[in-house]
Structures are given as C-alpha cells and as structure tokens.
Amino acid sequence: MVRKRRSKSLEIYPINTGEADVKKMLDIFWSLSTETGIATVPILTFLIKGADVPVLVDTGFSSPERAMEIMRLGPHRTKPEWDLAKQLRKQGLKPEDIPYVIITHLHYDHCGKCDIFPNAKFIIQRAELQEAAAPLAPAALDVGGRALFYDRPDIATIVDKLWDRVVLIDGDEEIVPGVRCILFANSHTPGSQAVYVETQEGTAILLGDITRNVELNIEQEIPPGLYYDLRSMQAALAKLRKEGKFFYPTHDYEVLRKFTR
C-alpha cells in the first residue's frame, strides 16, 4: 500500500457505465413501502484524482445480457459512450494508468471487466470474496443466478486470471493517503466496504450498495431492501451519517446531477 503525506486535494469523478430498471421498493427494508413503481438507475463507478496516483472504485457490469438472462433481473442497458475505458480517456487516463481498483463488493454490477486494468491491484475484503465464492443462496431461487447476484465468471476471473494482483484486506485500511476502505460487515453483503475520501470540503463516502438513496437510507436511517443483518445495517447507517459530509451511492442519478464537473 502507498503511505505518504496525507493529501487534502482529492476529487471524485462519478462515471456512469450503464443503466437498469429496478423496483423502487429496493430502497425500503422488507419492502415496507407503498411505492410499487419502477425506477431507472445508473450503474456508477468513481475515479479519485489528486493523490499521487489515481484510484478507481468499482468497475460496473460485464454485460447487460448476463444481468437479464442469468440474474433474471429487469432491463439493463449500456451505450458506447458509457464504456469505462473511453470515459477514463476523457480524464486523461488509460486503464493501464490505474494502479488501484477498490471493489466495494462483488455483485455483478460492481466488478465486471476487471481484466481491462492490466496493472491494477484489486482491493477486496476477504469476507466478501469468501461469500462470493460460496454464497448462501437457495438452489431453487430464480432471481440472482442461484448465487445472490455474484456472477460466476466475474469471480472466476478474480480468483484465477487476476489472482496475483488481488489484495485481500480484513477490515479498515488506508489505500493511498486520504482514501480509506471501511468494512461494514453483514450490511448489504458480508464484506461490503465503503470508501472514505478526504476532500477539501470534508469527508465524502462512496457507499457501494450499503445505501441506495441518501434521503431515505442516510438522513432517515431507513435500511434499504437488501441486507444481511438488520442490526448491522442500522449500525452502518448511523455510522455513515455521523462520519460523512457527502454521500455517493452507486445507483442514484442525483449523484451525477450534484457531483459531475
């Protein structure tokens, strides 16, 4: 890991890599909501610049077809202009320029196409990889690819082709000055981690899927629909609200409206 003088000039650039149509009730725990409609949400990754080296958080999905055919989810789509490598080039970078990719968790829409980064180390919580390799998913479950949204080819790539560049961590760790991985065990997934970024304006938190909607899940501390343990999730939301000033969920177009430069 890089450990040098802490920087206070870090900036976060949201990147949209795709889009999905999902049920709005995913924002509310146990689906205790009168809202039954469909929301169109982005599938974001985040580029952190301003440290000695750039850092990418999450990589989007491998293909919309797998999300629909294997995971049995609603419509997913992408566009040529949403290609992650193309969008990095707009920031003056190529995939080979990225030395660190932090994966918040290993669901299909967060760790696809990791192999386009030939020089990156992939920062993953050990508990998350263990769960992704052998998820506790009912065999008869139609949705989720019988693996609770862990896509087998993505996980196979990580534990085989990319294995020499996978860095497993156990808990909280600073990756570069001002960028910290914080474990929220048994929240959205067993090994979900948020990424704390120290900016000039205050602490920004890249949430993965620990929350989906800032107003509901952070400000009101209503857990989202998908979580492993309710007490762990409630504690996570309280901690996030206390420690963060800016919040970046992965599936909220408001992030692009508020934080795109």
C-alpha atoms as a PDB file:
ATOM      1  CA  MET A   1       0.000   0.000   0.000  1.00  0.00           C
ATOM      2  CA  VAL A   2       1.061   3.610  -0.554  1.00  0.00           C
ATOM      3  CA  ARG A   3       1.647   5.517   2.662  1.00  0.00           C
ATOM      4  CA  LYS A   4       2.845   9.086   2.251  1.00  0.00           C
ATOM      5  CA  ARG A   5       1.862  12.521   3.470  1.00  0.00           C
ATOM      6  CA  ARG A   6      -1.924  12.910   3.550  1.00  0.00           C
ATOM      7  CA  SER A   7      -3.396  14.928   0.697  1.00  0.00           C
ATOM      8  CA  LYS A   8      -6.367  17.297   1.106  1.00  0.00           C
ATOM      9  CA  SER A   9      -6.902  17.975  -2.595  1.00  0.00           C
ATOM     10  CA  LEU A  10      -8.683  14.784  -3.570  1.00  0.00           C
ATOM     11  CA  GLU A  11     -11.551  14.951  -6.051  1.00  0.00           C
ATOM     12  CA  ILE A  12     -14.172  12.379  -7.030  1.00  0.00           C
ATOM     13  CA  TYR A  13     -15.467  11.926 -10.570  1.00  0.00           C
ATOM     14  CA  PRO A  14     -18.628   9.786 -10.964  1.00  0.00           C
ATOM     15  CA  ILE A  15     -18.668   7.697 -14.153  1.00  0.00           C
ATOM     16  CA  ASN A  16     -21.850   6.120 -15.496  1.00  0.00           C
ATOM     17  CA  THR A  17     -21.207   2.711 -17.079  1.00  0.00           C
ATOM     18  CA  GLY A  18     -24.772   1.520 -17.576  1.00  0.00           C
ATOM     19  CA  GLU A  19     -28.400   1.701 -16.580  1.00  0.00           C
ATOM     20  CA  ALA A  20     -31.016  -0.610 -15.088  1.00  0.00           C
ATOM     21  CA  ASP A  21     -34.752  -0.576 -14.431  1.00  0.00           C
ATOM     22  CA  VAL A  22     -35.402  -1.750 -10.855  1.00  0.00           C
ATOM     23  CA  LYS A  23     -38.267  -1.841  -8.391  1.00  0.00           C
ATOM     24  CA  LYS A  24     -38.462   1.258  -6.203  1.00  0.00           C
ATOM     25  CA  MET A  25     -39.189  -0.924  -3.172  1.00  0.00           C
ATOM     26  CA  LEU A  26     -35.486  -1.904  -3.158  1.00  0.00           C
ATOM     27  CA  ASP A  27     -34.908   1.381  -1.339  1.00  0.00           C
ATOM     28  CA  ILE A  28     -37.006   0.282   1.676  1.00  0.00           C
ATOM     29  CA  PHE A  29     -36.284  -2.632   4.016  1.00  0.00           C
ATOM     30  CA  TRP A  30     -38.634  -5.643   3.949  1.00  0.00           C
ATOM     31  CA  SER A  31     -40.365  -3.850   1.038  1.00  0.00           C
ATOM     32  CA  LEU A  32     -42.416  -1.921   3.613  1.00  0.00           C
ATOM     33  CA  SER A  33     -43.363   0.731   1.094  1.00  0.00           C
ATOM     34  CA  THR A  34     -46.492   1.779  -0.746  1.00  0.00           C
ATOM     35  CA  GLU A  35     -44.277   2.653  -3.724  1.00  0.00           C
ATOM     36  CA  THR A  36     -44.588  -0.147  -6.283  1.00  0.00           C
ATOM     37  CA  GLY A  37     -43.197   1.533  -9.392  1.00  0.00           C
ATOM     38  CA  ILE A  38     -40.018   1.090 -11.401  1.00  0.00           C
ATOM     39  CA  ALA A  39     -37.013   3.402 -11.234  1.00  0.00           C
ATOM     40  CA  THR A  40     -34.295   3.804 -13.844  1.00  0.00           C
ATOM     41  CA  VAL A  41     -30.939   3.912 -12.067  1.00  0.00           C
ATOM     42  CA  PRO A  42     -27.334   4.346 -13.188  1.00  0.00           C
ATOM     43  CA  ILE A  43     -24.520   1.886 -12.582  1.00  0.00           C
ATOM     44  CA  LEU A  44     -21.712   4.130 -11.424  1.00  0.00           C
ATOM     45  CA  THR A  45     -18.017   3.816 -10.860  1.00  0.00           C
ATOM     46  CA  PHE A  46     -15.880   6.511  -9.250  1.00  0.00           C
ATOM     47  CA  LEU A  47     -12.496   7.904 -10.190  1.00  0.00           C
ATOM     48  CA  ILE A  48     -10.499   9.524  -7.387  1.00  0.00           C
ATOM     49  CA  LYS A  49      -7.866  12.018  -8.507  1.00  0.00           C
ATOM     50  CA  GLY A  50      -5.494  14.288  -6.625  1.00  0.00           C
ATOM     51  CA  ALA A  51      -3.421  11.714  -4.762  1.00  0.00           C
ATOM     52  CA  ASP A  52      -0.027  10.566  -6.001  1.00  0.00           C
ATOM     53  CA  VAL A  53      -1.860   8.019  -8.158  1.00  0.00           C
ATOM     54  CA  PRO A  54      -5.454   7.703  -9.414  1.00  0.00           C
ATOM     55  CA  VAL A  55      -7.802   5.228  -7.743  1.00  0.00           C
ATOM     56  CA  LEU A  56     -10.922   3.658  -9.264  1.00  0.00           C
ATOM     57  CA  VAL A  57     -13.814   2.407  -7.159  1.00  0.00           C
ATOM     58  CA  ASP A  58     -15.865  -0.408  -8.768  1.00  0.00           C
ATOM     59  CA  THR A  59     -15.974  -1.336 -12.443  1.00  0.00           C
ATOM     60  CA  GLY A  60     -19.644  -1.786 -13.415  1.00  0.00           C
ATOM     61  CA  PHE A  61     -21.093  -4.893 -15.075  1.00  0.00           C
ATOM     62  CA  SER A  62     -19.689  -7.251 -17.683  1.00  0.00           C
ATOM     63  CA  SER A  63     -22.772  -7.206 -19.902  1.00  0.00           C
ATOM     64  CA  PRO A  64     -26.426  -6.194 -19.677  1.00  0.00           C
ATOM     65  CA  GLU A  65     -27.363  -9.514 -21.277  1.00  0.00           C
ATOM     66  CA  ARG A  66     -25.955 -11.532 -18.363  1.00  0.00           C
ATOM     67  CA  ALA A  67     -27.785  -9.327 -15.874  1.00  0.00           C
ATOM     68  CA  MET A  68     -31.066 -10.131 -17.579  1.00  0.00           C
ATOM     69  CA  GLU A  69     -30.512 -13.725 -18.705  1.00  0.00           C
ATOM     70  CA  ILE A  70     -28.503 -15.117 -15.778  1.00  0.00           C
ATOM     71  CA  MET A  71     -29.584 -12.906 -12.885  1.00  0.00           C
ATOM     72  CA  ARG A  72     -33.179 -12.750 -14.194  1.00  0.00           C
ATOM     73  CA  LEU A  73     -33.326  -9.038 -13.471  1.00  0.00           C
ATOM     74  CA  GLY A  74     -35.173  -6.261 -15.267  1.00  0.00           C
ATOM     75  CA  PRO A  75     -33.922  -4.348 -18.302  1.00  0.00           C
ATOM     76  CA  HIS A  76     -30.242  -3.363 -18.261  1.00  0.00           C
ATOM     77  CA  ARG A  77     -28.545  -1.320 -20.951  1.00  0.00           C
ATOM     78  CA  THR A  78     -25.351   0.414 -21.879  1.00  0.00           C
ATOM     79  CA  LYS A  79     -24.170   2.775 -24.623  1.00  0.00           C
ATOM     80  CA  PRO A  80     -20.863   3.079 -26.482  1.00  0.00           C
ATOM     81  CA  GLU A  81     -20.197   6.413 -24.796  1.00  0.00           C
ATOM     82  CA  TRP A  82     -20.565   4.793 -21.368  1.00  0.00           C
ATOM     83  CA  ASP A  83     -17.632   2.469 -21.991  1.00  0.00           C
ATOM     84  CA  LEU A  84     -15.376   2.742 -18.940  1.00  0.00           C
ATOM     85  CA  ALA A  85     -12.102   2.895 -20.874  1.00  0.00           C
ATOM     86  CA  LYS A  86     -13.488   5.670 -23.088  1.00  0.00           C
ATOM     87  CA  GLN A  87     -14.616   7.668 -20.075  1.00  0.00           C
ATOM     88  CA  LEU A  88     -11.242   7.295 -18.389  1.00  0.00           C
ATOM     89  CA  ARG A  89      -9.629   8.708 -21.516  1.00  0.00           C
ATOM     90  CA  LYS A  90     -11.766  11.829 -21.074  1.00  0.00           C
ATOM     91  CA  GLN A  91      -9.991  12.222 -17.723  1.00  0.00           C
ATOM     92  CA  GLY A  92      -6.592  11.887 -19.397  1.00  0.00           C
ATOM     93  CA  LEU A  93      -6.127   8.276 -18.282  1.00  0.00           C
ATOM     94  CA  LYS A  94      -5.989   4.818 -19.791  1.00  0.00           C
ATOM     95  CA  PRO A  95      -6.889   1.579 -17.985  1.00  0.00           C
ATOM     96  CA  GLU A  96      -3.183   0.775 -17.668  1.00  0.00           C
ATOM     97  CA  ASP A  97      -2.688   4.028 -15.710  1.00  0.00           C
ATOM     98  CA  ILE A  98      -4.871   2.813 -12.807  1.00  0.00           C
ATOM     99  CA  PRO A  99      -2.760   1.187 -10.038  1.00  0.00           C
ATOM    100  CA  TYR A 100      -5.589   0.561  -7.556  1.00  0.00           C
ATOM    101  CA  VAL A 101      -9.159  -0.621  -8.083  1.00  0.00           C
ATOM    102  CA  ILE A 102     -11.235  -0.829  -4.911  1.00  0.00           C
ATOM    103  CA  ILE A 103     -14.216  -3.166  -5.147  1.00  0.00           C
ATOM    104  CA  THR A 104     -16.950  -2.194  -2.671  1.00  0.00           C
ATOM    105  CA  HIS A 105     -18.497  -5.667  -3.027  1.00  0.00           C
ATOM    106  CA  LEU A 106     -18.529  -8.403  -5.629  1.00  0.00           C
ATOM    107  CA  HIS A 107     -22.036  -8.265  -7.063  1.00  0.00           C
ATOM    108  CA  TYR A 108     -22.256  -8.454 -10.850  1.00  0.00           C
ATOM    109  CA  ASP A 109     -22.710  -4.683 -11.303  1.00  0.00           C
ATOM    110  CA  HIS A 110     -19.608  -3.713  -9.326  1.00  0.00           C
ATOM    111  CA  CYS A 111     -16.794  -5.993 -10.502  1.00  0.00           C
ATOM    112  CA  GLY A 112     -17.327  -6.657 -14.200  1.00  0.00           C
ATOM    113  CA  LYS A 113     -14.482  -6.134 -16.683  1.00  0.00           C
ATOM    114  CA  CYS A 114     -11.757  -6.003 -14.044  1.00  0.00           C
ATOM    115  CA  ASP A 115      -9.431  -7.563 -16.587  1.00  0.00           C
ATOM    116  CA  ILE A 116      -9.247  -4.358 -18.650  1.00  0.00           C
ATOM    117  CA  PHE A 117      -6.890  -2.987 -15.969  1.00  0.00           C
ATOM    118  CA  PRO A 118      -3.553  -4.689 -16.669  1.00  0.00           C
ATOM    119  CA  ASN A 119      -1.544  -3.042 -13.885  1.00  0.00           C
ATOM    120  CA  ALA A 120      -4.082  -2.592 -11.109  1.00  0.00           C
ATOM    121  CA  LYS A 121      -4.169  -4.181  -7.703  1.00  0.00           C
ATOM    122  CA  PHE A 122      -7.727  -5.090  -6.706  1.00  0.00           C
ATOM    123  CA  ILE A 123      -8.629  -4.241  -3.109  1.00  0.00           C
ATOM    124  CA  ILE A 124     -11.319  -6.607  -1.774  1.00  0.00           C
ATOM    125  CA  GLN A 125     -12.435  -7.578   1.698  1.00  0.00           C
ATOM    126  CA  ARG A 126     -11.564 -11.217   2.401  1.00  0.00           C
ATOM    127  CA  ALA A 127     -15.027 -11.887   3.847  1.00  0.00           C
ATOM    128  CA  GLU A 128     -16.599 -10.659   0.617  1.00  0.00           C
ATOM    129  CA  LEU A 129     -14.557 -12.934  -1.612  1.00  0.00           C
ATOM    130  CA  GLN A 130     -15.291 -15.898   0.633  1.00  0.00           C
ATOM    131  CA  GLU A 131     -19.020 -15.211   0.384  1.00  0.00           C
ATOM    132  CA  ALA A 132     -18.878 -14.650  -3.377  1.00  0.00           C
ATOM    133  CA  ALA A 133     -17.117 -17.984  -3.900  1.00  0.00           C
ATOM    134  CA  ALA A 134     -19.781 -19.954  -1.998  1.00  0.00           C
ATOM    135  CA  PRO A 135     -22.861 -17.786  -1.443  1.00  0.00           C
ATOM    136  CA  LEU A 136     -25.680 -18.946   0.807  1.00  0.00           C
ATOM    137  CA  ALA A 137     -28.247 -18.910  -1.983  1.00  0.00           C
ATOM    138  CA  PRO A 138     -31.263 -21.253  -2.160  1.00  0.00           C
ATOM    139  CA  ALA A 139     -30.853 -23.528  -5.157  1.00  0.00           C
ATOM    140  CA  ALA A 140     -34.485 -23.002  -6.177  1.00  0.00           C
ATOM    141  CA  LEU A 141     -34.213 -19.209  -6.260  1.00  0.00           C
ATOM    142  CA  ASP A 142     -34.982 -17.919  -9.750  1.00  0.00           C
ATOM    143  CA  VAL A 143     -33.582 -14.406  -9.326  1.00  0.00           C
ATOM    144  CA  GLY A 144     -29.884 -13.797  -8.669  1.00  0.00           C
ATOM    145  CA  GLY A 145     -28.358 -16.534 -10.797  1.00  0.00           C
ATOM    146  CA  ARG A 146     -28.552 -19.025  -7.882  1.00  0.00           C
ATOM    147  CA  ALA A 147     -25.695 -17.027  -6.364  1.00  0.00           C
ATOM    148  CA  LEU A 148     -27.284 -13.917  -4.792  1.00  0.00           C
ATOM    149  CA  PHE A 149     -26.072 -11.634  -7.602  1.00  0.00           C
ATOM    150  CA  TYR A 150     -22.464 -12.865  -7.590  1.00  0.00           C
ATOM    151  CA  ASP A 151     -21.727 -13.650 -11.245  1.00  0.00           C
ATOM    152  CA  ARG A 152     -19.567 -16.778 -11.539  1.00  0.00           C
ATOM    153  CA  PRO A 153     -17.382 -15.629 -14.485  1.00  0.00           C
ATOM    154  CA  ASP A 154     -16.505 -12.392 -12.670  1.00  0.00           C
ATOM    155  CA  ILE A 155     -15.492 -14.253  -9.508  1.00  0.00           C
ATOM    156  CA  ALA A 156     -13.565 -16.840 -11.532  1.00  0.00           C
ATOM    157  CA  THR A 157     -11.592 -14.061 -13.217  1.00  0.00           C
ATOM    158  CA  ILE A 158     -10.666 -12.594  -9.849  1.00  0.00           C
ATOM    159  CA  VAL A 159      -9.543 -15.869  -8.271  1.00  0.00           C
ATOM    160  CA  ASP A 160      -7.698 -17.110 -11.356  1.00  0.00           C
ATOM    161  CA  LYS A 161      -6.602 -14.662 -14.058  1.00  0.00           C
ATOM    162  CA  LEU A 162      -6.172 -11.699 -11.698  1.00  0.00           C
ATOM    163  CA  TRP A 163      -5.238 -13.573  -8.531  1.00  0.00           C
ATOM    164  CA  ASP A 164      -1.640 -12.338  -8.357  1.00  0.00           C
ATOM    165  CA  ARG A 165      -2.949  -8.770  -8.226  1.00  0.00           C
ATOM    166  CA  VAL A 166      -5.756  -9.293  -5.710  1.00  0.00           C
ATOM    167  CA  VAL A 167      -5.110  -7.696  -2.308  1.00  0.00           C
ATOM    168  CA  LEU A 168      -7.381  -9.137   0.367  1.00  0.00           C
ATOM    169  CA  ILE A 169      -7.906  -6.962   3.425  1.00  0.00           C
ATOM    170  CA  ASP A 170      -9.559  -7.722   6.738  1.00  0.00           C
ATOM    171  CA  GLY A 171     -11.241  -4.592   7.997  1.00  0.00           C
ATOM    172  CA  ASP A 172     -10.366  -0.919   7.661  1.00  0.00           C
ATOM    173  CA  GLU A 173      -7.284   0.131   5.703  1.00  0.00           C
ATOM    174  CA  GLU A 174      -5.880   3.236   4.022  1.00  0.00           C
ATOM    175  CA  ILE A 175      -5.047   2.554   0.379  1.00  0.00           C
ATOM    176  CA  VAL A 176      -3.475   5.877  -0.578  1.00  0.00           C
ATOM    177  CA  PRO A 177      -3.289   8.993   1.597  1.00  0.00           C
ATOM    178  CA  GLY A 178      -6.815  10.255   2.163  1.00  0.00           C
ATOM    179  CA  VAL A 179      -8.552   7.183   0.720  1.00  0.00           C
ATOM    180  CA  ARG A 180      -9.687   4.550   3.229  1.00  0.00           C
ATOM    181  CA  CYS A 181     -11.609   1.313   2.913  1.00  0.00           C
ATOM    182  CA  ILE A 182     -14.040   0.905   5.823  1.00  0.00           C
ATOM    183  CA  LEU A 183     -15.617  -2.509   6.361  1.00  0.00           C
ATOM    184  CA  PHE A 184     -19.356  -2.663   7.090  1.00  0.00           C
ATOM    185  CA  ALA A 185     -19.701  -6.375   7.729  1.00  0.00           C
ATOM    186  CA  ASN A 186     -23.076  -8.017   7.118  1.00  0.00           C
ATOM    187  CA  SER A 187     -24.646  -4.828   5.830  1.00  0.00           C
ATOM    188  CA  HIS A 188     -25.510  -5.095   2.122  1.00  0.00           C
ATOM    189  CA  THR A 189     -23.236  -8.144   1.850  1.00  0.00           C
ATOM    190  CA  PRO A 190     -20.953  -9.920   4.352  1.00  0.00           C
ATOM    191  CA  GLY A 191     -17.891  -7.998   3.186  1.00  0.00           C
ATOM    192  CA  SER A 192     -19.249  -4.698   1.867  1.00  0.00           C
ATOM    193  CA  GLN A 193     -16.870  -1.798   2.253  1.00  0.00           C
ATOM    194  CA  ALA A 194     -17.377   1.933   1.851  1.00  0.00           C
ATOM    195  CA  VAL A 195     -14.604   4.198   0.634  1.00  0.00           C
ATOM    196  CA  TYR A 196     -13.906   7.331   2.665  1.00  0.00           C
ATOM    197  CA  VAL A 197     -12.286  10.139   0.677  1.00  0.00           C
ATOM    198  CA  GLU A 198     -10.871  13.191   2.445  1.00  0.00           C
ATOM    199  CA  THR A 199     -11.646  16.200   0.244  1.00  0.00           C
ATOM    200  CA  GLN A 200     -11.056  19.885   0.893  1.00  0.00           C
ATOM    201  CA  GLU A 201     -14.747  20.269   1.743  1.00  0.00           C
ATOM    202  CA  GLY A 202     -14.958  17.284   4.101  1.00  0.00           C
ATOM    203  CA  THR A 203     -15.287  13.514   4.127  1.00  0.00           C
ATOM    204  CA  ALA A 204     -17.010  12.049   1.083  1.00  0.00           C
ATOM    205  CA  ILE A 205     -18.163   8.443   1.290  1.00  0.00           C
ATOM    206  CA  LEU A 206     -18.535   6.132  -1.692  1.00  0.00           C
ATOM    207  CA  LEU A 207     -21.212   3.780  -0.442  1.00  0.00           C
ATOM    208  CA  GLY A 208     -21.317   0.851  -2.827  1.00  0.00           C
ATOM    209  CA  ASP A 209     -24.808  -0.545  -2.186  1.00  0.00           C
ATOM    210  CA  ILE A 210     -24.823  -0.110   1.583  1.00  0.00           C
ATOM    211  CA  THR A 211     -27.344   2.581   0.810  1.00  0.00           C
ATOM    212  CA  ARG A 212     -29.325   3.258  -2.343  1.00  0.00           C
ATOM    213  CA  ASN A 213     -30.998   6.564  -1.530  1.00  0.00           C
ATOM    214  CA  VAL A 214     -29.360   9.198   0.671  1.00  0.00           C
ATOM    215  CA  GLU A 215     -32.579  10.824   1.892  1.00  0.00           C
ATOM    216  CA  LEU A 216     -34.204   7.544   2.902  1.00  0.00           C
ATOM    217  CA  ASN A 217     -31.249   5.441   3.957  1.00  0.00           C
ATOM    218  CA  ILE A 218     -28.829   8.015   5.403  1.00  0.00           C
ATOM    219  CA  GLU A 219     -30.882  11.003   6.527  1.00  0.00           C
ATOM    220  CA  GLN A 220     -33.838   8.973   7.807  1.00  0.00           C
ATOM    221  CA  GLU A 221     -31.772   5.861   8.631  1.00  0.00           C
ATOM    222  CA  ILE A 222     -34.339   3.578   6.988  1.00  0.00           C
ATOM    223  CA  PRO A 223     -32.437   0.475   5.834  1.00  0.00           C
ATOM    224  CA  PRO A 224     -32.546  -0.390   2.131  1.00  0.00           C
ATOM    225  CA  GLY A 225     -34.252  -3.518   0.901  1.00  0.00           C
ATOM    226  CA  LEU A 226     -31.234  -5.843   0.596  1.00  0.00           C
ATOM    227  CA  TYR A 227     -29.132  -6.533   3.667  1.00  0.00           C
ATOM    228  CA  TYR A 228     -27.718  -9.469   5.620  1.00  0.00           C
ATOM    229  CA  ASP A 229     -28.338  -8.413   9.214  1.00  0.00           C
ATOM    230  CA  LEU A 230     -30.711  -5.667  10.339  1.00  0.00           C
ATOM    231  CA  ARG A 231     -28.727  -4.606  13.405  1.00  0.00           C
ATOM    232  CA  SER A 232     -25.507  -4.447  11.396  1.00  0.00           C
ATOM    233  CA  MET A 233     -27.233  -2.366   8.733  1.00  0.00           C
ATOM    234  CA  GLN A 234     -28.747   0.031  11.267  1.00  0.00           C
ATOM    235  CA  ALA A 235     -25.347   0.495  12.897  1.00  0.00           C
ATOM    236  CA  ALA A 236     -23.791   1.094   9.481  1.00  0.00           C
ATOM    237  CA  LEU A 237     -26.298   3.799   8.566  1.00  0.00           C
ATOM    238  CA  ALA A 238     -25.801   5.582  11.880  1.00  0.00           C
ATOM    239  CA  LYS A 239     -22.006   5.472  11.483  1.00  0.00           C
ATOM    240  CA  LEU A 240     -22.153   6.727   7.900  1.00  0.00           C
ATOM    241  CA  ARG A 241     -24.439   9.606   8.808  1.00  0.00           C
ATOM    242  CA  LYS A 242     -22.122  10.633  11.644  1.00  0.00           C
ATOM    243  CA  GLU A 243     -18.852  10.374   9.731  1.00  0.00           C
ATOM    244  CA  GLY A 244     -19.687  11.617   6.235  1.00  0.00           C
ATOM    245  CA  LYS A 245     -20.416  15.025   4.769  1.00  0.00           C
ATOM    246  CA  PHE A 246     -21.028  13.953   1.163  1.00  0.00           C
ATOM    247  CA  PHE A 247     -22.524  10.634   0.074  1.00  0.00           C
ATOM    248  CA  TYR A 248     -22.166   8.819  -3.244  1.00  0.00           C
ATOM    249  CA  PRO A 249     -24.448   5.779  -3.690  1.00  0.00           C
ATOM    250  CA  THR A 250     -23.853   3.700  -6.810  1.00  0.00           C
ATOM    251  CA  HIS A 251     -27.406   3.688  -8.156  1.00  0.00           C
ATOM    252  CA  ASP A 252     -28.736   7.228  -7.897  1.00  0.00           C
ATOM    253  CA  TYR A 253     -28.805   9.732 -10.769  1.00  0.00           C
ATOM    254  CA  GLU A 254     -28.746  12.512  -8.185  1.00  0.00           C
ATOM    255  CA  VAL A 255     -25.045  11.742  -7.739  1.00  0.00           C
ATOM    256  CA  LEU A 256     -24.386  12.690 -11.358  1.00  0.00           C
ATOM    257  CA  ARG A 257     -26.509  15.822 -11.075  1.00  0.00           C
ATOM    258  CA  LYS A 258     -24.801  17.013  -7.897  1.00  0.00           C
ATOM    259  CA  PHE A 259     -21.202  15.952  -8.360  1.00  0.00           C
ATOM    260  CA  THR A 260     -20.370  15.865 -12.088  1.00  0.00           C
ATOM    261  CA  ARG A 261     -17.829  18.523 -13.002  1.00  0.00           C
END
